[in-house]
Amino acid sequence: MKSFLFILVLIWFILGASSANDRGYFDTSADRDCTFIGSALLTVVAGPLNYAGLHPRASC
């Protein structure tokens, strides 16, 4: 059961990282400020919900 949950969480974060990459959060030319980093982290944590229309934004 633990390995199943681990794999599920791993897939969740992989999909979130893929979505963050699609939105350009991993580009090296982007300006890094608190809002940018917060939005990138929220996108990764939201995982596959990003593909369902969720677009999390952070404000600092």
N, C-alpha and C. Protein backbone atom coordinates (compact mmCIF):
# COMPACT_ATOMS: atom_id res chain seq x y z
N MET A 1 0.82 -1.19 0.00
CA MET A 1 0.00 0.00 0.00
C MET A 1 0.86 1.26 0.00
N LYS A 2 1.97 1.23 0.78
CA LYS A 2 2.84 2.40 0.83
C LYS A 2 3.50 2.66 -0.52
N SER A 3 3.88 1.61 -1.20
CA SER A 3 4.53 1.81 -2.50
C SER A 3 3.55 2.36 -3.53
N PHE A 4 2.30 1.95 -3.44
CA PHE A 4 1.28 2.48 -4.34
C PHE A 4 1.09 3.98 -4.10
N LEU A 5 1.01 4.40 -2.85
CA LEU A 5 0.86 5.82 -2.54
C LEU A 5 2.09 6.61 -2.96
N PHE A 6 3.27 6.04 -2.76
CA PHE A 6 4.49 6.71 -3.18
C PHE A 6 4.50 6.94 -4.68
N ILE A 7 4.13 5.92 -5.44
CA ILE A 7 4.09 6.04 -6.90
C ILE A 7 3.04 7.06 -7.32
N LEU A 8 1.90 7.07 -6.66
CA LEU A 8 0.84 8.03 -6.97
C LEU A 8 1.31 9.47 -6.72
N VAL A 9 1.96 9.70 -5.59
CA VAL A 9 2.47 11.04 -5.28
C VAL A 9 3.57 11.44 -6.26
N LEU A 10 4.42 10.51 -6.61
CA LEU A 10 5.48 10.78 -7.56
C LEU A 10 4.91 11.18 -8.92
N ILE A 11 3.92 10.46 -9.40
CA ILE A 11 3.27 10.80 -10.66
C ILE A 11 2.60 12.16 -10.56
N TRP A 12 1.97 12.46 -9.42
CA TRP A 12 1.31 13.74 -9.19
C TRP A 12 2.31 14.90 -9.39
N PHE A 13 3.49 14.78 -8.75
CA PHE A 13 4.49 15.84 -8.85
C PHE A 13 5.14 15.90 -10.23
N ILE A 14 5.27 14.78 -10.90
CA ILE A 14 5.81 14.78 -12.27
C ILE A 14 4.87 15.52 -13.19
N LEU A 15 3.57 15.28 -13.06
CA LEU A 15 2.60 16.00 -13.89
C LEU A 15 2.59 17.49 -13.56
N GLY A 16 2.76 17.83 -12.30
CA GLY A 16 2.84 19.24 -11.91
C GLY A 16 4.07 19.91 -12.47
N ALA A 17 5.21 19.22 -12.43
CA ALA A 17 6.43 19.77 -13.00
C ALA A 17 6.32 19.92 -14.51
N SER A 18 5.64 19.00 -15.15
CA SER A 18 5.41 19.10 -16.59
C SER A 18 4.56 20.32 -16.91
N SER A 19 3.55 20.56 -16.12
CA SER A 19 2.70 21.73 -16.33
C SER A 19 3.48 23.03 -16.09
N ALA A 20 4.32 23.05 -15.07
CA ALA A 20 5.14 24.23 -14.80
C ALA A 20 6.11 24.47 -15.95
N ASN A 21 6.63 23.42 -16.52
CA ASN A 21 7.51 23.55 -17.67
C ASN A 21 6.75 24.11 -18.87
N ASP A 22 5.53 23.64 -19.09
CA ASP A 22 4.70 24.14 -20.18
C ASP A 22 4.43 25.64 -20.05
N ARG A 23 4.33 26.12 -18.82
CA ARG A 23 4.06 27.53 -18.57
C ARG A 23 5.32 28.38 -18.52
N GLY A 24 6.47 27.77 -18.69
CA GLY A 24 7.72 28.51 -18.78
C GLY A 24 8.36 28.86 -17.45
N TYR A 25 7.99 28.18 -16.38
CA TYR A 25 8.56 28.48 -15.08
C TYR A 25 10.00 28.01 -14.94
N PHE A 26 10.47 27.16 -15.81
CA PHE A 26 11.84 26.66 -15.72
C PHE A 26 12.77 27.33 -16.72
N ASP A 27 12.29 28.37 -17.42
CA ASP A 27 13.15 29.11 -18.34
C ASP A 27 14.19 29.90 -17.56
N THR A 28 15.39 29.92 -18.05
CA THR A 28 16.47 30.63 -17.34
C THR A 28 16.43 32.13 -17.57
N SER A 29 15.73 32.59 -18.58
CA SER A 29 15.70 34.02 -18.88
C SER A 29 14.61 34.77 -18.11
N ALA A 30 13.78 34.06 -17.37
CA ALA A 30 12.67 34.69 -16.65
C ALA A 30 13.17 35.42 -15.40
N ASP A 31 12.48 36.49 -15.04
CA ASP A 31 12.80 37.25 -13.84
C ASP A 31 12.29 36.50 -12.62
N ARG A 32 13.15 36.25 -11.67
CA ARG A 32 12.80 35.48 -10.48
C ARG A 32 12.46 36.42 -9.33
N ASP A 33 11.20 36.51 -8.98
CA ASP A 33 10.79 37.24 -7.79
C ASP A 33 9.90 36.34 -6.96
N CYS A 34 9.43 36.83 -5.85
CA CYS A 34 8.65 36.02 -4.91
C CYS A 34 7.37 35.48 -5.58
N THR A 35 6.69 36.31 -6.34
CA THR A 35 5.45 35.89 -7.00
C THR A 35 5.72 34.80 -8.02
N PHE A 36 6.79 34.94 -8.79
CA PHE A 36 7.15 33.96 -9.81
C PHE A 36 7.45 32.60 -9.17
N ILE A 37 8.29 32.60 -8.14
CA ILE A 37 8.67 31.35 -7.49
C ILE A 37 7.47 30.71 -6.78
N GLY A 38 6.64 31.52 -6.13
CA GLY A 38 5.45 30.99 -5.47
C GLY A 38 4.48 30.37 -6.46
N SER A 39 4.28 31.03 -7.60
CA SER A 39 3.38 30.49 -8.62
C SER A 39 3.93 29.19 -9.19
N ALA A 40 5.24 29.12 -9.38
CA ALA A 40 5.86 27.89 -9.90
C ALA A 40 5.67 26.74 -8.92
N LEU A 41 5.89 27.00 -7.64
CA LEU A 41 5.72 25.95 -6.63
C LEU A 41 4.26 25.51 -6.52
N LEU A 42 3.34 26.45 -6.57
CA LEU A 42 1.92 26.08 -6.52
C LEU A 42 1.51 25.26 -7.73
N THR A 43 2.07 25.57 -8.88
CA THR A 43 1.77 24.81 -10.09
C THR A 43 2.25 23.37 -9.95
N VAL A 44 3.45 23.18 -9.40
CA VAL A 44 3.98 21.82 -9.22
C VAL A 44 3.14 21.05 -8.21
N VAL A 45 2.77 21.70 -7.11
CA VAL A 45 1.99 21.02 -6.06
C VAL A 45 0.57 20.70 -6.55
N ALA A 46 0.00 21.56 -7.40
CA ALA A 46 -1.36 21.32 -7.90
C ALA A 46 -1.41 20.12 -8.82
N GLY A 47 -0.28 19.75 -9.38
CA GLY A 47 -0.19 18.53 -10.18
C GLY A 47 -1.13 18.50 -11.36
N PRO A 48 -1.83 17.39 -11.56
CA PRO A 48 -2.69 17.23 -12.73
C PRO A 48 -3.92 18.15 -12.73
N LEU A 49 -4.20 18.81 -11.62
CA LEU A 49 -5.31 19.76 -11.61
C LEU A 49 -5.06 20.92 -12.57
N ASN A 50 -3.79 21.17 -12.89
CA ASN A 50 -3.45 22.20 -13.85
C ASN A 50 -4.06 21.92 -15.22
N TYR A 51 -4.08 20.65 -15.59
CA TYR A 51 -4.63 20.27 -16.89
C TYR A 51 -6.15 20.28 -16.89
N ALA A 52 -6.76 20.44 -15.72
CA ALA A 52 -8.22 20.54 -15.61
C ALA A 52 -8.66 22.01 -15.56
N GLY A 53 -7.71 22.93 -15.74
CA GLY A 53 -8.06 24.34 -15.80
C GLY A 53 -7.62 25.17 -14.61
N LEU A 54 -7.03 24.56 -13.61
CA LEU A 54 -6.55 25.31 -12.44
C LEU A 54 -5.27 26.03 -12.82
N HIS A 55 -5.19 27.31 -12.51
CA HIS A 55 -3.98 28.08 -12.79
C HIS A 55 -3.63 28.85 -11.53
N PRO A 56 -2.92 28.21 -10.60
CA PRO A 56 -2.63 28.85 -9.32
C PRO A 56 -1.65 30.01 -9.47
N ARG A 57 -1.92 31.09 -8.72
CA ARG A 57 -1.06 32.26 -8.71
C ARG A 57 -0.76 32.61 -7.27
N ALA A 58 0.45 33.02 -7.03
CA ALA A 58 0.84 33.50 -5.71
C ALA A 58 1.11 34.99 -5.79
N SER A 59 0.90 35.67 -4.71
CA SER A 59 1.26 37.09 -4.64
C SER A 59 1.99 37.34 -3.34
N CYS A 60 3.05 38.08 -3.41
CA CYS A 60 3.87 38.34 -2.23
C CYS A 60 3.81 39.82 -1.87
